[in-house]
Amino acid sequence: MKIILKLEELAMTAIGIYLLTVYNLGLRIWLWVILFFAPDIGMLGYIINTRVGAFSYNLFHHKGIAIAVAAAGYYLHNDIAVTIGILLFAHSSFDRIMGYGLKYNDAFKHTHLGMI
């Protein structure tokens, strides 16, 4: 089952990356590589404590939020918001492939996918 879930996340990552080629905003590929990992800035909350860290990390890695941002951008005709939503979604799916899930308040390594 774990392999099937990883394949599902791989498919979502691939779809997200494809959509980023559609909504590329004219940016160069090297910048997209950097931006792809930008949602990990949410880890900075762990400098304060695990509760703040879990909240900030989950805010940047929640697929529902990513879809809401992309949908709002689509309906408001804002390509930047659409792109941010797609980027958040693709990054979150990529993280799930690597075993990083949404965080619990007690420890960075305690995720909804189990312990890292």
PDB file of N, CA and C in Angstrom:
ATOM      1  N   MET A   1       0.817  -1.200   0.000  1.00  0.00           N
ATOM      2  CA  MET A   1       0.000   0.000   0.000  1.00  0.00           C
ATOM      3  C   MET A   1       0.856   1.256   0.000  1.00  0.00           C
ATOM      4  N   LYS A   2       1.984   1.223   0.718  1.00  0.00           N
ATOM      5  CA  LYS A   2       2.847   2.392   0.801  1.00  0.00           C
ATOM      6  C   LYS A   2       3.360   2.786  -0.589  1.00  0.00           C
ATOM      7  N   ILE A   3       3.670   1.806  -1.427  1.00  0.00           N
ATOM      8  CA  ILE A   3       4.157   2.086  -2.776  1.00  0.00           C
ATOM      9  C   ILE A   3       3.055   2.726  -3.613  1.00  0.00           C
ATOM     10  N   ILE A   4       1.827   2.245  -3.462  1.00  0.00           N
ATOM     11  CA  ILE A   4       0.705   2.814  -4.215  1.00  0.00           C
ATOM     12  C   ILE A   4       0.495   4.280  -3.822  1.00  0.00           C
ATOM     13  N   LEU A   5       0.589   4.571  -2.534  1.00  0.00           N
ATOM     14  CA  LEU A   5       0.427   5.960  -2.083  1.00  0.00           C
ATOM     15  C   LEU A   5       1.538   6.849  -2.617  1.00  0.00           C
ATOM     16  N   LYS A   6       2.766   6.334  -2.646  1.00  0.00           N
ATOM     17  CA  LYS A   6       3.880   7.116  -3.188  1.00  0.00           C
ATOM     18  C   LYS A   6       3.703   7.346  -4.691  1.00  0.00           C
ATOM     19  N   LEU A   7       3.191   6.349  -5.401  1.00  0.00           N
ATOM     20  CA  LEU A   7       2.922   6.522  -6.831  1.00  0.00           C
ATOM     21  C   LEU A   7       1.831   7.560  -7.065  1.00  0.00           C
ATOM     22  N   GLU A   8       0.834   7.569  -6.181  1.00  0.00           N
ATOM     23  CA  GLU A   8      -0.223   8.572  -6.275  1.00  0.00           C
ATOM     24  C   GLU A   8       0.352   9.977  -6.071  1.00  0.00           C
ATOM     25  N   GLU A   9       1.218  10.121  -5.079  1.00  0.00           N
ATOM     26  CA  GLU A   9       1.859  11.419  -4.826  1.00  0.00           C
ATOM     27  C   GLU A   9       2.775  11.808  -5.987  1.00  0.00           C
ATOM     28  N   LEU A  10       3.452  10.827  -6.576  1.00  0.00           N
ATOM     29  CA  LEU A  10       4.300  11.088  -7.738  1.00  0.00           C
ATOM     30  C   LEU A  10       3.468  11.621  -8.897  1.00  0.00           C
ATOM     31  N   ALA A  11       2.296  11.028  -9.116  1.00  0.00           N
ATOM     32  CA  ALA A  11       1.409  11.502 -10.181  1.00  0.00           C
ATOM     33  C   ALA A  11       0.956  12.938  -9.905  1.00  0.00           C
ATOM     34  N   MET A  12       0.608  13.234  -8.648  1.00  0.00           N
ATOM     35  CA  MET A  12       0.185  14.596  -8.309  1.00  0.00           C
ATOM     36  C   MET A  12       1.337  15.586  -8.472  1.00  0.00           C
ATOM     37  N   THR A  13       2.551  15.171  -8.117  1.00  0.00           N
ATOM     38  CA  THR A  13       3.718  16.035  -8.308  1.00  0.00           C
ATOM     39  C   THR A  13       3.933  16.309  -9.790  1.00  0.00           C
ATOM     40  N   ALA A  14       3.841  15.269 -10.600  1.00  0.00           N
ATOM     41  CA  ALA A  14       4.036  15.422 -12.048  1.00  0.00           C
ATOM     42  C   ALA A  14       2.984  16.345 -12.650  1.00  0.00           C
ATOM     43  N   ILE A  15       1.737  16.188 -12.241  1.00  0.00           N
ATOM     44  CA  ILE A  15       0.670  17.065 -12.738  1.00  0.00           C
ATOM     45  C   ILE A  15       0.939  18.507 -12.310  1.00  0.00           C
ATOM     46  N   GLY A  16       1.373  18.687 -11.067  1.00  0.00           N
ATOM     47  CA  GLY A  16       1.692  20.026 -10.584  1.00  0.00           C
ATOM     48  C   GLY A  16       2.827  20.659 -11.374  1.00  0.00           C
ATOM     49  N   ILE A  17       3.864  19.878 -11.638  1.00  0.00           N
ATOM     50  CA  ILE A  17       4.994  20.416 -12.413  1.00  0.00           C
ATOM     51  C   ILE A  17       4.558  20.745 -13.833  1.00  0.00           C
ATOM     52  N   TYR A  18       3.724  19.886 -14.409  1.00  0.00           N
ATOM     53  CA  TYR A  18       3.195  20.200 -15.743  1.00  0.00           C
ATOM     54  C   TYR A  18       2.415  21.517 -15.714  1.00  0.00           C
ATOM     55  N   LEU A  19       1.537  21.677 -14.732  1.00  0.00           N
ATOM     56  CA  LEU A  19       0.754  22.914 -14.640  1.00  0.00           C
ATOM     57  C   LEU A  19       1.647  24.133 -14.417  1.00  0.00           C
ATOM     58  N   LEU A  20       2.774  23.932 -13.766  1.00  0.00           N
ATOM     59  CA  LEU A  20       3.717  25.046 -13.598  1.00  0.00           C
ATOM     60  C   LEU A  20       4.353  25.436 -14.927  1.00  0.00           C
ATOM     61  N   THR A  21       4.419  24.512 -15.879  1.00  0.00           N
ATOM     62  CA  THR A  21       4.916  24.884 -17.209  1.00  0.00           C
ATOM     63  C   THR A  21       3.871  25.701 -17.961  1.00  0.00           C
ATOM     64  N   VAL A  22       2.591  25.482 -17.637  1.00  0.00           N
ATOM     65  CA  VAL A  22       1.515  26.250 -18.252  1.00  0.00           C
ATOM     66  C   VAL A  22       1.455  27.651 -17.631  1.00  0.00           C
ATOM     67  N   TYR A  23       1.530  27.714 -16.298  1.00  0.00           N
ATOM     68  CA  TYR A  23       1.511  28.991 -15.566  1.00  0.00           C
ATOM     69  C   TYR A  23       2.934  29.322 -15.117  1.00  0.00           C
ATOM     70  N   ASN A  24       3.837  29.494 -16.066  1.00  0.00           N
ATOM     71  CA  ASN A  24       5.250  29.678 -15.699  1.00  0.00           C
ATOM     72  C   ASN A  24       5.639  31.121 -15.434  1.00  0.00           C
ATOM     73  N   LEU A  25       4.764  32.043 -15.717  1.00  0.00           N
ATOM     74  CA  LEU A  25       5.000  33.475 -15.461  1.00  0.00           C
ATOM     75  C   LEU A  25       6.241  34.005 -16.160  1.00  0.00           C
ATOM     76  N   GLY A  26       6.759  33.257 -17.121  1.00  0.00           N
ATOM     77  CA  GLY A  26       7.942  33.697 -17.861  1.00  0.00           C
ATOM     78  C   GLY A  26       9.242  33.588 -17.086  1.00  0.00           C
ATOM     79  N   LEU A  27       9.230  32.844 -15.987  1.00  0.00           N
ATOM     80  CA  LEU A  27      10.446  32.701 -15.168  1.00  0.00           C
ATOM     81  C   LEU A  27      11.362  31.618 -15.721  1.00  0.00           C
ATOM     82  N   ARG A  28      12.638  31.769 -15.482  1.00  0.00           N
ATOM     83  CA  ARG A  28      13.637  30.791 -15.927  1.00  0.00           C
ATOM     84  C   ARG A  28      13.568  29.526 -15.081  1.00  0.00           C
ATOM     85  N   ILE A  29      14.030  28.420 -15.656  1.00  0.00           N
ATOM     86  CA  ILE A  29      13.965  27.120 -14.993  1.00  0.00           C
ATOM     87  C   ILE A  29      14.762  27.098 -13.687  1.00  0.00           C
ATOM     88  N   TRP A  30      15.914  27.752 -13.631  1.00  0.00           N
ATOM     89  CA  TRP A  30      16.732  27.727 -12.414  1.00  0.00           C
ATOM     90  C   TRP A  30      15.998  28.399 -11.253  1.00  0.00           C
ATOM     91  N   LEU A  31      15.188  29.407 -11.573  1.00  0.00           N
ATOM     92  CA  LEU A  31      14.414  30.076 -10.531  1.00  0.00           C
ATOM     93  C   LEU A  31      13.284  29.175 -10.038  1.00  0.00           C
ATOM     94  N   TRP A  32      12.699  28.389 -10.949  1.00  0.00           N
ATOM     95  CA  TRP A  32      11.649  27.455 -10.545  1.00  0.00           C
ATOM     96  C   TRP A  32      12.181  26.381  -9.616  1.00  0.00           C
ATOM     97  N   VAL A  33      13.409  25.954  -9.835  1.00  0.00           N
ATOM     98  CA  VAL A  33      14.010  24.951  -8.950  1.00  0.00           C
ATOM     99  C   VAL A  33      14.115  25.509  -7.533  1.00  0.00           C
ATOM    100  N   ILE A  34      14.538  26.749  -7.421  1.00  0.00           N
ATOM    101  CA  ILE A  34      14.631  27.398  -6.104  1.00  0.00           C
ATOM    102  C   ILE A  34      13.235  27.587  -5.504  1.00  0.00           C
ATOM    103  N   LEU A  35      12.297  28.088  -6.305  1.00  0.00           N
ATOM    104  CA  LEU A  35      10.940  28.335  -5.821  1.00  0.00           C
ATOM    105  C   LEU A  35      10.228  27.047  -5.406  1.00  0.00           C
ATOM    106  N   PHE A  36      10.580  25.928  -6.048  1.00  0.00           N
ATOM    107  CA  PHE A  36       9.946  24.650  -5.721  1.00  0.00           C
ATOM    108  C   PHE A  36      10.167  24.282  -4.257  1.00  0.00           C
ATOM    109  N   PHE A  37      11.309  24.678  -3.720  1.00  0.00           N
ATOM    110  CA  PHE A  37      11.611  24.352  -2.322  1.00  0.00           C
ATOM    111  C   PHE A  37      11.297  25.500  -1.361  1.00  0.00           C
ATOM    112  N   ALA A  38      10.767  26.596  -1.871  1.00  0.00           N
ATOM    113  CA  ALA A  38      10.435  27.751  -1.036  1.00  0.00           C
ATOM    114  C   ALA A  38       9.426  27.453   0.079  1.00  0.00           C
ATOM    115  N   PRO A  39       8.446  26.569  -0.118  1.00  0.00           N
ATOM    116  CA  PRO A  39       7.502  26.304   0.985  1.00  0.00           C
ATOM    117  C   PRO A  39       8.171  25.746   2.246  1.00  0.00           C
ATOM    118  N   ASP A  40       9.381  25.238   2.124  1.00  0.00           N
ATOM    119  CA  ASP A  40      10.079  24.741   3.308  1.00  0.00           C
ATOM    120  C   ASP A  40      10.476  25.852   4.266  1.00  0.00           C
ATOM    121  N   ILE A  41      10.263  27.097   3.866  1.00  0.00           N
ATOM    122  CA  ILE A  41      10.491  28.218   4.782  1.00  0.00           C
ATOM    123  C   ILE A  41       9.588  28.085   6.010  1.00  0.00           C
ATOM    124  N   GLY A  42       8.513  27.325   5.879  1.00  0.00           N
ATOM    125  CA  GLY A  42       7.616  27.081   6.999  1.00  0.00           C
ATOM    126  C   GLY A  42       8.304  26.391   8.171  1.00  0.00           C
ATOM    127  N   MET A  43       9.441  25.755   7.921  1.00  0.00           N
ATOM    128  CA  MET A  43      10.190  25.093   8.998  1.00  0.00           C
ATOM    129  C   MET A  43      10.798  26.088   9.977  1.00  0.00           C
ATOM    130  N   LEU A  44      10.912  27.344   9.577  1.00  0.00           N
ATOM    131  CA  LEU A  44      11.521  28.344  10.449  1.00  0.00           C
ATOM    132  C   LEU A  44      10.749  28.523  11.750  1.00  0.00           C
ATOM    133  N   GLY A  45       9.486  28.178  11.757  1.00  0.00           N
ATOM    134  CA  GLY A  45       8.693  28.260  12.983  1.00  0.00           C
ATOM    135  C   GLY A  45       9.236  27.386  14.098  1.00  0.00           C
ATOM    136  N   TYR A  46       9.983  26.345  13.727  1.00  0.00           N
ATOM    137  CA  TYR A  46      10.563  25.466  14.739  1.00  0.00           C
ATOM    138  C   TYR A  46      11.651  26.167  15.553  1.00  0.00           C
ATOM    139  N   ILE A  47      12.116  27.305  15.086  1.00  0.00           N
ATOM    140  CA  ILE A  47      13.070  28.097  15.868  1.00  0.00           C
ATOM    141  C   ILE A  47      12.403  28.574  17.162  1.00  0.00           C
ATOM    142  N   ILE A  48      11.110  28.859  17.087  1.00  0.00           N
ATOM    143  CA  ILE A  48      10.368  29.333  18.257  1.00  0.00           C
ATOM    144  C   ILE A  48      10.033  28.160  19.175  1.00  0.00           C
ATOM    145  N   ASN A  49       9.277  27.206  18.662  1.00  0.00           N
ATOM    146  CA  ASN A  49       8.969  25.970  19.396  1.00  0.00           C
ATOM    147  C   ASN A  49       8.265  24.996  18.452  1.00  0.00           C
ATOM    148  N   THR A  50       7.997  23.789  18.931  1.00  0.00           N
ATOM    149  CA  THR A  50       7.406  22.776  18.049  1.00  0.00           C
ATOM    150  C   THR A  50       5.955  23.098  17.672  1.00  0.00           C
ATOM    151  N   ARG A  51       5.233  23.755  18.548  1.00  0.00           N
ATOM    152  CA  ARG A  51       3.838  24.099  18.237  1.00  0.00           C
ATOM    153  C   ARG A  51       3.761  25.122  17.099  1.00  0.00           C
ATOM    154  N   VAL A  52       4.540  26.186  17.201  1.00  0.00           N
ATOM    155  CA  VAL A  52       4.584  27.203  16.144  1.00  0.00           C
ATOM    156  C   VAL A  52       5.166  26.593  14.869  1.00  0.00           C
ATOM    157  N   GLY A  53       6.185  25.769  15.023  1.00  0.00           N
ATOM    158  CA  GLY A  53       6.805  25.122  13.868  1.00  0.00           C
ATOM    159  C   GLY A  53       5.837  24.233  13.121  1.00  0.00           C
ATOM    160  N   ALA A  54       5.079  23.430  13.854  1.00  0.00           N
ATOM    161  CA  ALA A  54       4.104  22.550  13.217  1.00  0.00           C
ATOM    162  C   ALA A  54       3.047  23.364  12.482  1.00  0.00           C
ATOM    163  N   PHE A  55       2.576  24.439  13.118  1.00  0.00           N
ATOM    164  CA  PHE A  55       1.564  25.287  12.484  1.00  0.00           C
ATOM    165  C   PHE A  55       2.090  25.910  11.192  1.00  0.00           C
ATOM    166  N   SER A  56       3.265  26.526  11.260  1.00  0.00           N
ATOM    167  CA  SER A  56       3.797  27.205  10.076  1.00  0.00           C
ATOM    168  C   SER A  56       4.157  26.213   8.977  1.00  0.00           C
ATOM    169  N   TYR A  57       4.721  25.072   9.348  1.00  0.00           N
ATOM    170  CA  TYR A  57       5.054  24.051   8.355  1.00  0.00           C
ATOM    171  C   TYR A  57       3.775  23.557   7.675  1.00  0.00           C
ATOM    172  N   ASN A  58       2.769  23.229   8.480  1.00  0.00           N
ATOM    173  CA  ASN A  58       1.516  22.706   7.926  1.00  0.00           C
ATOM    174  C   ASN A  58       0.789  23.725   7.065  1.00  0.00           C
ATOM    175  N   LEU A  59       0.914  25.002   7.403  1.00  0.00           N
ATOM    176  CA  LEU A  59       0.293  26.054   6.607  1.00  0.00           C
ATOM    177  C   LEU A  59       0.823  26.046   5.176  1.00  0.00           C
ATOM    178  N   PHE A  60       2.133  25.826   5.024  1.00  0.00           N
ATOM    179  CA  PHE A  60       2.766  25.830   3.705  1.00  0.00           C
ATOM    180  C   PHE A  60       2.699  24.474   3.004  1.00  0.00           C
ATOM    181  N   HIS A  61       2.262  23.437   3.715  1.00  0.00           N
ATOM    182  CA  HIS A  61       2.268  22.087   3.141  1.00  0.00           C
ATOM    183  C   HIS A  61       0.899  21.423   3.112  1.00  0.00           C
ATOM    184  N   HIS A  62      -0.150  22.169   3.352  1.00  0.00           N
ATOM    185  CA  HIS A  62      -1.506  21.617   3.349  1.00  0.00           C
ATOM    186  C   HIS A  62      -2.063  21.717   1.928  1.00  0.00           C
ATOM    187  N   LYS A  63      -2.422  20.596   1.355  1.00  0.00           N
ATOM    188  CA  LYS A  63      -2.898  20.587  -0.031  1.00  0.00           C
ATOM    189  C   LYS A  63      -4.228  21.327  -0.183  1.00  0.00           C
ATOM    190  N   GLY A  64      -5.059  21.300   0.839  1.00  0.00           N
ATOM    191  CA  GLY A  64      -6.322  22.031   0.776  1.00  0.00           C
ATOM    192  C   GLY A  64      -6.104  23.527   0.639  1.00  0.00           C
ATOM    193  N   ILE A  65      -5.139  24.043   1.381  1.00  0.00           N
ATOM    194  CA  ILE A  65      -4.802  25.470   1.275  1.00  0.00           C
ATOM    195  C   ILE A  65      -4.254  25.768  -0.111  1.00  0.00           C
ATOM    196  N   ALA A  66      -3.404  24.877  -0.616  1.00  0.00           N
ATOM    197  CA  ALA A  66      -2.823  25.055  -1.956  1.00  0.00           C
ATOM    198  C   ALA A  66      -3.916  25.115  -3.017  1.00  0.00           C
ATOM    199  N   ILE A  67      -4.875  24.205  -2.927  1.00  0.00           N
ATOM    200  CA  ILE A  67      -5.977  24.186  -3.898  1.00  0.00           C
ATOM    201  C   ILE A  67      -6.833  25.444  -3.763  1.00  0.00           C
ATOM    202  N   ALA A  68      -7.072  25.883  -2.534  1.00  0.00           N
ATOM    203  CA  ALA A  68      -7.867  27.095  -2.315  1.00  0.00           C
ATOM    204  C   ALA A  68      -7.174  28.322  -2.908  1.00  0.00           C
ATOM    205  N   VAL A  69      -5.862  28.418  -2.742  1.00  0.00           N
ATOM    206  CA  VAL A  69      -5.107  29.553  -3.301  1.00  0.00           C
ATOM    207  C   VAL A  69      -5.173  29.516  -4.830  1.00  0.00           C
ATOM    208  N   ALA A  70      -4.963  28.336  -5.413  1.00  0.00           N
ATOM    209  CA  ALA A  70      -5.010  28.213  -6.874  1.00  0.00           C
ATOM    210  C   ALA A  70      -6.417  28.522  -7.404  1.00  0.00           C
ATOM    211  N   ALA A  71      -7.435  28.010  -6.739  1.00  0.00           N
ATOM    212  CA  ALA A  71      -8.810  28.252  -7.178  1.00  0.00           C
ATOM    213  C   ALA A  71      -9.178  29.725  -7.070  1.00  0.00           C
ATOM    214  N   ALA A  72      -8.788  30.357  -5.971  1.00  0.00           N
ATOM    215  CA  ALA A  72      -9.066  31.792  -5.816  1.00  0.00           C
ATOM    216  C   ALA A  72      -8.370  32.584  -6.916  1.00  0.00           C
ATOM    217  N   GLY A  73      -7.138  32.234  -7.189  1.00  0.00           N
ATOM    218  CA  GLY A  73      -6.412  32.904  -8.269  1.00  0.00           C
ATOM    219  C   GLY A  73      -7.065  32.706  -9.622  1.00  0.00           C
ATOM    220  N   TYR A  74      -7.552  31.494  -9.856  1.00  0.00           N
ATOM    221  CA  TYR A  74      -8.226  31.199 -11.126  1.00  0.00           C
ATOM    222  C   TYR A  74      -9.488  32.047 -11.282  1.00  0.00           C
ATOM    223  N   TYR A  75     -10.304  32.075 -10.232  1.00  0.00           N
ATOM    224  CA  TYR A  75     -11.565  32.821 -10.315  1.00  0.00           C
ATOM    225  C   TYR A  75     -11.361  34.327 -10.313  1.00  0.00           C
ATOM    226  N   LEU A  76     -10.256  34.781  -9.750  1.00  0.00           N
ATOM    227  CA  LEU A  76      -9.945  36.214  -9.737  1.00  0.00           C
ATOM    228  C   LEU A  76      -9.065  36.625 -10.915  1.00  0.00           C
ATOM    229  N   HIS A  77      -8.762  35.661 -11.800  1.00  0.00           N
ATOM    230  CA  HIS A  77      -7.915  35.902 -12.971  1.00  0.00           C
ATOM    231  C   HIS A  77      -6.538  36.435 -12.571  1.00  0.00           C
ATOM    232  N   ASN A  78      -5.981  35.829 -11.523  1.00  0.00           N
ATOM    233  CA  ASN A  78      -4.675  36.229 -10.999  1.00  0.00           C
ATOM    234  C   ASN A  78      -3.707  35.060 -11.190  1.00  0.00           C
ATOM    235  N   ASP A  79      -2.896  35.132 -12.244  1.00  0.00           N
ATOM    236  CA  ASP A  79      -1.977  34.034 -12.564  1.00  0.00           C
ATOM    237  C   ASP A  79      -0.924  33.802 -11.482  1.00  0.00           C
ATOM    238  N   ILE A  80      -0.552  34.838 -10.766  1.00  0.00           N
ATOM    239  CA  ILE A  80       0.440  34.667  -9.693  1.00  0.00           C
ATOM    240  C   ILE A  80      -0.135  33.804  -8.581  1.00  0.00           C
ATOM    241  N   ALA A  81      -1.365  34.052  -8.182  1.00  0.00           N
ATOM    242  CA  ALA A  81      -2.001  33.242  -7.135  1.00  0.00           C
ATOM    243  C   ALA A  81      -2.204  31.805  -7.604  1.00  0.00           C
ATOM    244  N   VAL A  82      -2.600  31.626  -8.865  1.00  0.00           N
ATOM    245  CA  VAL A  82      -2.751  30.276  -9.414  1.00  0.00           C
ATOM    246  C   VAL A  82      -1.418  29.543  -9.326  1.00  0.00           C
ATOM    247  N   THR A  83      -0.365  30.219  -9.732  1.00  0.00           N
ATOM    248  CA  THR A  83       0.964  29.608  -9.735  1.00  0.00           C
ATOM    249  C   THR A  83       1.425  29.272  -8.324  1.00  0.00           C
ATOM    250  N   ILE A  84       1.184  30.150  -7.381  1.00  0.00           N
ATOM    251  CA  ILE A  84       1.567  29.876  -5.988  1.00  0.00           C
ATOM    252  C   ILE A  84       0.819  28.649  -5.470  1.00  0.00           C
ATOM    253  N   GLY A  85      -0.462  28.561  -5.750  1.00  0.00           N
ATOM    254  CA  GLY A  85      -1.241  27.400  -5.328  1.00  0.00           C
ATOM    255  C   GLY A  85      -0.732  26.106  -5.942  1.00  0.00           C
ATOM    256  N   ILE A  86      -0.444  26.143  -7.232  1.00  0.00           N
ATOM    257  CA  ILE A  86       0.087  24.953  -7.909  1.00  0.00           C
ATOM    258  C   ILE A  86       1.441  24.574  -7.322  1.00  0.00           C
ATOM    259  N   LEU A  87       2.283  25.565  -7.088  1.00  0.00           N
ATOM    260  CA  LEU A  87       3.608  25.317  -6.517  1.00  0.00           C
ATOM    261  C   LEU A  87       3.504  24.691  -5.132  1.00  0.00           C
ATOM    262  N   LEU A  88       2.632  25.219  -4.289  1.00  0.00           N
ATOM    263  CA  LEU A  88       2.431  24.648  -2.955  1.00  0.00           C
ATOM    264  C   LEU A  88       1.942  23.203  -3.051  1.00  0.00           C
ATOM    265  N   PHE A  89       1.012  22.947  -3.968  1.00  0.00           N
ATOM    266  CA  PHE A  89       0.469  21.607  -4.138  1.00  0.00           C
ATOM    267  C   PHE A  89       1.550  20.629  -4.610  1.00  0.00           C
ATOM    268  N   ALA A  90       2.301  21.018  -5.641  1.00  0.00           N
ATOM    269  CA  ALA A  90       3.345  20.138  -6.183  1.00  0.00           C
ATOM    270  C   ALA A  90       4.420  19.862  -5.137  1.00  0.00           C
ATOM    271  N   HIS A  91       4.816  20.889  -4.398  1.00  0.00           N
ATOM    272  CA  HIS A  91       5.832  20.714  -3.370  1.00  0.00           C
ATOM    273  C   HIS A  91       5.334  19.783  -2.261  1.00  0.00           C
ATOM    274  N   SER A  92       4.094  19.959  -1.849  1.00  0.00           N
ATOM    275  CA  SER A  92       3.532  19.109  -0.796  1.00  0.00           C
ATOM    276  C   SER A  92       3.476  17.651  -1.237  1.00  0.00           C
ATOM    277  N   SER A  93       3.093  17.417  -2.484  1.00  0.00           N
ATOM    278  CA  SER A  93       3.069  16.048  -3.001  1.00  0.00           C
ATOM    279  C   SER A  93       4.474  15.461  -3.050  1.00  0.00           C
ATOM    280  N   PHE A  94       5.439  16.273  -3.459  1.00  0.00           N
ATOM    281  CA  PHE A  94       6.827  15.821  -3.498  1.00  0.00           C
ATOM    282  C   PHE A  94       7.314  15.446  -2.094  1.00  0.00           C
ATOM    283  N   ASP A  95       6.987  16.278  -1.124  1.00  0.00           N
ATOM    284  CA  ASP A  95       7.371  15.976   0.261  1.00  0.00           C
ATOM    285  C   ASP A  95       6.765  14.664   0.748  1.00  0.00           C
ATOM    286  N   ARG A  96       5.520  14.391   0.356  1.00  0.00           N
ATOM    287  CA  ARG A  96       4.873  13.143   0.772  1.00  0.00           C
ATOM    288  C   ARG A  96       5.594  11.933   0.185  1.00  0.00           C
ATOM    289  N   ILE A  97       6.110  12.069  -1.039  1.00  0.00           N
ATOM    290  CA  ILE A  97       6.894  10.977  -1.638  1.00  0.00           C
ATOM    291  C   ILE A  97       8.108  10.675  -0.767  1.00  0.00           C
ATOM    292  N   MET A  98       8.708  11.724  -0.237  1.00  0.00           N
ATOM    293  CA  MET A  98       9.904  11.579   0.590  1.00  0.00           C
ATOM    294  C   MET A  98       9.592  11.160   2.022  1.00  0.00           C
ATOM    295  N   GLY A  99       8.304  11.061   2.350  1.00  0.00           N
ATOM    296  CA  GLY A  99       7.911  10.615   3.677  1.00  0.00           C
ATOM    297  C   GLY A  99       7.636  11.727   4.666  1.00  0.00           C
ATOM    298  N   TYR A 100       7.674  12.975   4.197  1.00  0.00           N
ATOM    299  CA  TYR A 100       7.398  14.106   5.080  1.00  0.00           C
ATOM    300  C   TYR A 100       5.928  14.457   4.992  1.00  0.00           C
ATOM    301  N   GLY A 101       5.230  14.290   6.090  1.00  0.00           N
ATOM    302  CA  GLY A 101       3.815  14.610   6.127  1.00  0.00           C
ATOM    303  C   GLY A 101       3.559  15.844   6.951  1.00  0.00           C
ATOM    304  N   LEU A 102       2.296  16.111   7.179  1.00  0.00           N
ATOM    305  CA  LEU A 102       1.921  17.222   8.056  1.00  0.00           C
ATOM    306  C   LEU A 102       2.381  16.900   9.474  1.00  0.00           C
ATOM    307  N   LYS A 103       2.813  17.914  10.188  1.00  0.00           N
ATOM    308  CA  LYS A 103       3.470  17.723  11.486  1.00  0.00           C
ATOM    309  C   LYS A 103       2.490  17.796  12.653  1.00  0.00           C
ATOM    310  N   TYR A 104       2.798  16.980  13.662  1.00  0.00           N
ATOM    311  CA  TYR A 104       2.124  17.087  14.949  1.00  0.00           C
ATOM    312  C   TYR A 104       2.907  18.072  15.821  1.00  0.00           C
ATOM    313  N   ASN A 105       2.281  18.568  16.876  1.00  0.00           N
ATOM    314  CA  ASN A 105       2.887  19.601  17.725  1.00  0.00           C
ATOM    315  C   ASN A 105       4.060  19.123  18.572  1.00  0.00           C
ATOM    316  N   ASP A 106       4.205  17.823  18.759  1.00  0.00           N
ATOM    317  CA  ASP A 106       5.208  17.341  19.718  1.00  0.00           C
ATOM    318  C   ASP A 106       6.629  17.264  19.164  1.00  0.00           C
ATOM    319  N   ALA A 107       6.792  16.988  17.873  1.00  0.00           N
ATOM    320  CA  ALA A 107       8.146  16.839  17.319  1.00  0.00           C
ATOM    321  C   ALA A 107       8.106  16.965  15.801  1.00  0.00           C
ATOM    322  N   PHE A 108       9.174  17.488  15.222  1.00  0.00           N
ATOM    323  CA  PHE A 108       9.266  17.647  13.770  1.00  0.00           C
ATOM    324  C   PHE A 108       9.145  16.302  13.063  1.00  0.00           C
ATOM    325  N   LYS A 109       9.694  15.273  13.645  1.00  0.00           N
ATOM    326  CA  LYS A 109       9.707  13.958  13.007  1.00  0.00           C
ATOM    327  C   LYS A 109       8.391  13.198  13.143  1.00  0.00           C
ATOM    328  N   HIS A 110       7.431  13.714  13.909  1.00  0.00           N
ATOM    329  CA  HIS A 110       6.133  13.062  14.102  1.00  0.00           C
ATOM    330  C   HIS A 110       5.150  13.648  13.096  1.00  0.00           C
ATOM    331  N   THR A 111       4.829  12.864  12.051  1.00  0.00           N
ATOM    332  CA  THR A 111       3.962  13.345  10.981  1.00  0.00           C
ATOM    333  C   THR A 111       2.720  12.470  10.842  1.00  0.00           C
ATOM    334  N   HIS A 112       1.792  12.928  10.047  1.00  0.00           N
ATOM    335  CA  HIS A 112       0.571  12.140   9.821  1.00  0.00           C
ATOM    336  C   HIS A 112       0.865  10.865   9.038  1.00  0.00           C
ATOM    337  N   LEU A 113       2.054  10.757   8.475  1.00  0.00           N
ATOM    338  CA  LEU A 113       2.473   9.551   7.772  1.00  0.00           C
ATOM    339  C   LEU A 113       3.242   8.594   8.687  1.00  0.00           C
ATOM    340  N   GLY A 114       3.447   9.018   9.933  1.00  0.00           N
ATOM    341  CA  GLY A 114       4.224   8.227  10.879  1.00  0.00           C
ATOM    342  C   GLY A 114       5.502   8.966  11.250  1.00  0.00           C
ATOM    343  N   MET A 115       6.380   8.287  11.945  1.00  0.00           N
ATOM    344  CA  MET A 115       7.656   8.886  12.339  1.00  0.00           C
ATOM    345  C   MET A 115       8.629   8.859  11.173  1.00  0.00           C
ATOM    346  N   ILE A 116       9.386   9.925  11.023  1.00  0.00           N
ATOM    347  CA  ILE A 116      10.406  10.005   9.968  1.00  0.00           C
ATOM    348  C   ILE A 116      11.648   9.289  10.482  1.00  0.00           C
TER     349      ILE A 116
END
